[in-house]
Amino acid sequence: MDKVFFIGDVAQDEYYTADRFPKIKEKIIVHELPPMMGGSIANAACVYAALGGRPYFMTALNRGHITKKLLASLNEYGINTEHMVFDDSIPDARCLVILAEDEHTVFIPTLGIKRIDISEKAFEMLKESDFVYTNFCEIAPVAYGDMKARDILKTLKENGTRVFCDADCGEMEEGYDELLRYMDVLFVNEMGEISLQNIYGCRWKEKLFEMGLSTVIVTRAGDGSDLYESNGNNYHVKGIQVPVADVTGAGDTFGAGFLYARTKSDDNRLCAEFANYMAARSVTGVGARYGSCAGADIRGFISEHGGRPEDFEIILRGNDL
């Protein structure tokens, strides 16, 4: 089984519903829902684990009661959290999610983390990993001794580790170009695509490929996704029409589904089609981790929505958990 590390955020998602999203300075009544466990990278790790993977998860948190709940939830999915970094100066990890107008708006309080010093054991395990799944802001503070994130990623690439980055690129910061050079796959949504165009111009994809990326995927919600490869191949994966209950975590589900598929197949188009089914299923229920499902569940969903589960047998073989 491939060794996979998820490096990034985990948080308690505090949900509220509203009839509509308020304008600036306006007051509006919201209705509280039970909190759920979330965090973009943690959601992806849970989706990956539910499909049958056994990933590692790492970030920095305090030792408070919310952290204990967050880690217990990850462990219930079979996710290994032994390489976590603890710092009691870090505030509780929480997100505020407003559900309104068939969309979700997420407020993410910054934790103010400047540096995450990983252990020697964690660094050695990372060097042995086959895949790392992260995003810019979560990998940027990671350090080992004198090595910064750029140096760690460079070492991983030299060792053959493939790094997948889930990013909307709306907050590109100085130094992120250096991180991109050591990544393999980049996921962005439509807003991220616009940001990349603003940063790199009309040839943004070509410039990313020149940096060393092999694959760029733009997710387009109900309209599917577009897949671009450095070899010049481009594919569009059609959207799947489903009743939408909550789109929170759909992008995380897509990224994790694609990563899991890539551990089984090098066919990027097949992997994107599988991820598209995973993401479509994820929005039919409430919660950022509704996309977590076993092989039998996604087989049934594919069949119910006009697909052929047998087309994905190389991905799902042996995973009817």
Foldseek 3Di string as FASTA:
>chain_A
DFEEEEFFDKAWEWEWEFAADDDPPDDGDIHTDDIDIDTLSLLLLLQLLLAPDQYEYEAEEAPDPRVVVRVVVSVVSNYHDPFYHHDNLFDHFYKYWYDYPLAIDIDGDDRPQQADETDPVVLVSLLRGQEYEYAQVRQQRYAYVPGGSLNSLVSNVVSNHAYEHEDQCPDDDPPVLSVLLSHAEYEHEPSSVVNQCVVPNPCSVQVSVVSPYAKYKYQYVQQAIWIAGSVGDIDGAGGFDDDFDYQAQLSSQLRSQLVLLVVQDPPSVLSSNRSRLLSRQQRNDDDNNSSRHWLVVSCVSQVVRPHHSVSSCSRNPPTRD
